[in-house]
Amino acid sequence: MSILDSIQAAEAKAEQAKVDAVKEVEALLEKTKKAAEAAGEALLQKAADEEKKLAKETTKKLADEEAKLLAHYEKEDKKIASLADSRIDIAISYIMKKVVSS
């Protein structure tokens, strides 16, 4: 084999190595892109799941607080009604005196 043939063979071998390297890089880029997309989708799904969990917890906390407030106000209403009932005789007596004295 002549020197020219050796140089041409080396150039062809180098060109093939370059083509192979480009193909390998493209394959790695595609693999990396798919892995990044999968990781992104997993992250989005995790965030959506966390959002649902937080919404459920918040709804439960709001319902619990609402129940506490309703119980508190019901207790206060009963106190006021009891106080009004205990003073009804005084109110009736006052009204009767005003009516009779008129």
C-alpha atoms as a PDB file:
ATOM      1  CA  MET A   1       0.000   0.000   0.000  1.00  0.00           C
ATOM      2  CA  SER A   2       1.368   3.367  -0.996  1.00  0.00           C
ATOM      3  CA  ILE A   3       1.600   6.387   1.261  1.00  0.00           C
ATOM      4  CA  LEU A   4      -1.224   8.052  -0.657  1.00  0.00           C
ATOM      5  CA  ASP A   5      -3.410   5.016  -0.132  1.00  0.00           C
ATOM      6  CA  SER A   6      -2.521   5.023   3.580  1.00  0.00           C
ATOM      7  CA  ILE A   7      -3.393   8.719   3.876  1.00  0.00           C
ATOM      8  CA  GLN A   8      -6.674   8.205   2.037  1.00  0.00           C
ATOM      9  CA  ALA A   9      -7.486   5.202   4.223  1.00  0.00           C
ATOM     10  CA  ALA A  10      -6.671   7.229   7.349  1.00  0.00           C
ATOM     11  CA  GLU A  11      -8.830  10.110   6.108  1.00  0.00           C
ATOM     12  CA  ALA A  12     -11.699   7.723   5.384  1.00  0.00           C
ATOM     13  CA  LYS A  13     -11.250   6.162   8.803  1.00  0.00           C
ATOM     14  CA  ALA A  14     -11.231   9.623  10.430  1.00  0.00           C
ATOM     15  CA  GLU A  15     -14.325  10.647   8.468  1.00  0.00           C
ATOM     16  CA  GLN A  16     -16.101   7.480   9.575  1.00  0.00           C
ATOM     17  CA  ALA A  17     -15.045   8.140  13.188  1.00  0.00           C
ATOM     18  CA  LYS A  18     -16.460  11.668  12.856  1.00  0.00           C
ATOM     19  CA  VAL A  19     -19.765  10.335  11.467  1.00  0.00           C
ATOM     20  CA  ASP A  20     -19.919   7.742  14.249  1.00  0.00           C
ATOM     21  CA  ALA A  21     -19.184  10.423  16.871  1.00  0.00           C
ATOM     22  CA  VAL A  22     -21.926  12.691  15.482  1.00  0.00           C
ATOM     23  CA  LYS A  23     -24.395   9.783  15.553  1.00  0.00           C
ATOM     24  CA  GLU A  24     -23.368   8.937  19.123  1.00  0.00           C
ATOM     25  CA  VAL A  25     -23.784  12.553  20.230  1.00  0.00           C
ATOM     26  CA  GLU A  26     -27.196  12.750  18.560  1.00  0.00           C
ATOM     27  CA  ALA A  27     -28.253   9.531  20.280  1.00  0.00           C
ATOM     28  CA  LEU A  28     -27.007  10.832  23.641  1.00  0.00           C
ATOM     29  CA  LEU A  29     -28.837  14.119  23.109  1.00  0.00           C
ATOM     30  CA  GLU A  30     -32.065  12.282  22.303  1.00  0.00           C
ATOM     31  CA  LYS A  31     -31.624  10.021  25.342  1.00  0.00           C
ATOM     32  CA  THR A  32     -30.938  13.050  27.561  1.00  0.00           C
ATOM     33  CA  LYS A  33     -33.936  14.898  26.122  1.00  0.00           C
ATOM     34  CA  LYS A  34     -36.232  11.951  26.828  1.00  0.00           C
ATOM     35  CA  ALA A  35     -34.836  11.575  30.353  1.00  0.00           C
ATOM     36  CA  ALA A  36     -35.323  15.299  31.004  1.00  0.00           C
ATOM     37  CA  GLU A  37     -38.887  15.180  29.683  1.00  0.00           C
ATOM     38  CA  ALA A  38     -39.662  12.161  31.860  1.00  0.00           C
ATOM     39  CA  ALA A  39     -38.150  13.871  34.907  1.00  0.00           C
ATOM     40  CA  GLY A  40     -40.135  17.023  34.134  1.00  0.00           C
ATOM     41  CA  GLU A  41     -43.362  15.066  33.796  1.00  0.00           C
ATOM     42  CA  ALA A  42     -42.651  13.244  37.059  1.00  0.00           C
ATOM     43  CA  LEU A  43     -42.002  16.568  38.783  1.00  0.00           C
ATOM     44  CA  LEU A  44     -45.223  18.024  37.400  1.00  0.00           C
ATOM     45  CA  GLN A  45     -47.172  14.969  38.541  1.00  0.00           C
ATOM     46  CA  LYS A  46     -45.621  15.207  41.995  1.00  0.00           C
ATOM     47  CA  ALA A  47     -46.567  18.891  42.184  1.00  0.00           C
ATOM     48  CA  ALA A  48     -50.130  18.121  41.068  1.00  0.00           C
ATOM     49  CA  ASP A  49     -50.410  15.364  43.681  1.00  0.00           C
ATOM     50  CA  GLU A  50     -49.081  17.712  46.367  1.00  0.00           C
ATOM     51  CA  GLU A  51     -51.551  20.391  45.274  1.00  0.00           C
ATOM     52  CA  LYS A  52     -54.445  17.930  45.595  1.00  0.00           C
ATOM     53  CA  LYS A  53     -53.197  16.832  49.007  1.00  0.00           C
ATOM     54  CA  LEU A  54     -52.902  20.419  50.233  1.00  0.00           C
ATOM     55  CA  ALA A  55     -56.340  21.303  48.863  1.00  0.00           C
ATOM     56  CA  LYS A  56     -57.850  18.328  50.674  1.00  0.00           C
ATOM     57  CA  GLU A  57     -56.078  19.227  53.934  1.00  0.00           C
ATOM     58  CA  THR A  58     -57.136  22.874  53.617  1.00  0.00           C
ATOM     59  CA  THR A  59     -60.748  21.894  52.989  1.00  0.00           C
ATOM     60  CA  LYS A  60     -60.707  19.674  56.070  1.00  0.00           C
ATOM     61  CA  LYS A  61     -59.130  22.392  58.219  1.00  0.00           C
ATOM     62  CA  LEU A  62     -61.705  24.913  57.013  1.00  0.00           C
ATOM     63  CA  ALA A  63     -64.541  22.498  57.800  1.00  0.00           C
ATOM     64  CA  ASP A  64     -63.090  21.884  61.278  1.00  0.00           C
ATOM     65  CA  GLU A  65     -62.757  25.610  61.950  1.00  0.00           C
ATOM     66  CA  GLU A  66     -66.278  26.213  60.668  1.00  0.00           C
ATOM     67  CA  ALA A  67     -67.616  23.533  63.017  1.00  0.00           C
ATOM     68  CA  LYS A  68     -65.743  25.095  65.949  1.00  0.00           C
ATOM     69  CA  LEU A  69     -67.109  28.552  65.147  1.00  0.00           C
ATOM     70  CA  LEU A  70     -70.651  27.269  64.748  1.00  0.00           C
ATOM     71  CA  ALA A  71     -70.429  25.450  68.085  1.00  0.00           C
ATOM     72  CA  HIS A  72     -69.069  28.597  69.750  1.00  0.00           C
ATOM     73  CA  TYR A  73     -71.818  30.818  68.336  1.00  0.00           C
ATOM     74  CA  GLU A  74     -74.492  28.275  69.202  1.00  0.00           C
ATOM     75  CA  LYS A  75     -73.216  28.263  72.785  1.00  0.00           C
ATOM     76  CA  GLU A  76     -73.270  32.071  72.860  1.00  0.00           C
ATOM     77  CA  ASP A  77     -76.806  32.119  71.416  1.00  0.00           C
ATOM     78  CA  LYS A  78     -77.954  29.755  74.159  1.00  0.00           C
ATOM     79  CA  LYS A  79     -76.391  32.004  76.828  1.00  0.00           C
ATOM     80  CA  ILE A  80     -78.166  35.053  75.428  1.00  0.00           C
ATOM     81  CA  ALA A  81     -81.479  33.179  75.139  1.00  0.00           C
ATOM     82  CA  SER A  82     -81.112  31.940  78.712  1.00  0.00           C
ATOM     83  CA  LEU A  83     -80.366  35.455  79.945  1.00  0.00           C
ATOM     84  CA  ALA A  84     -83.380  36.811  78.033  1.00  0.00           C
ATOM     85  CA  ASP A  85     -85.594  34.066  79.459  1.00  0.00           C
ATOM     86  CA  SER A  86     -84.397  34.837  82.981  1.00  0.00           C
ATOM     87  CA  ARG A  87     -85.324  38.516  82.581  1.00  0.00           C
ATOM     88  CA  ILE A  88     -88.672  38.069  80.831  1.00  0.00           C
ATOM     89  CA  ASP A  89     -90.620  38.505  84.068  1.00  0.00           C
ATOM     90  CA  ILE A  90     -88.884  41.821  84.749  1.00  0.00           C
ATOM     91  CA  ALA A  91     -89.628  43.005  81.198  1.00  0.00           C
ATOM     92  CA  ILE A  92     -93.303  42.007  81.422  1.00  0.00           C
ATOM     93  CA  SER A  93     -93.654  43.718  84.801  1.00  0.00           C
ATOM     94  CA  TYR A  94     -92.060  46.910  83.425  1.00  0.00           C
ATOM     95  CA  ILE A  95     -94.316  46.900  80.364  1.00  0.00           C
ATOM     96  CA  MET A  96     -97.439  46.293  82.476  1.00  0.00           C
ATOM     97  CA  LYS A  97     -96.568  49.196  84.779  1.00  0.00           C
ATOM     98  CA  LYS A  98     -96.163  51.480  81.761  1.00  0.00           C
ATOM     99  CA  VAL A  99     -99.459  50.334  80.267  1.00  0.00           C
ATOM    100  CA  VAL A 100    -101.365  50.680  83.553  1.00  0.00           C
ATOM    101  CA  SER A 101     -99.870  54.068  84.372  1.00  0.00           C
ATOM    102  CA  SER A 102    -100.740  55.495  80.950  1.00  0.00           C
END
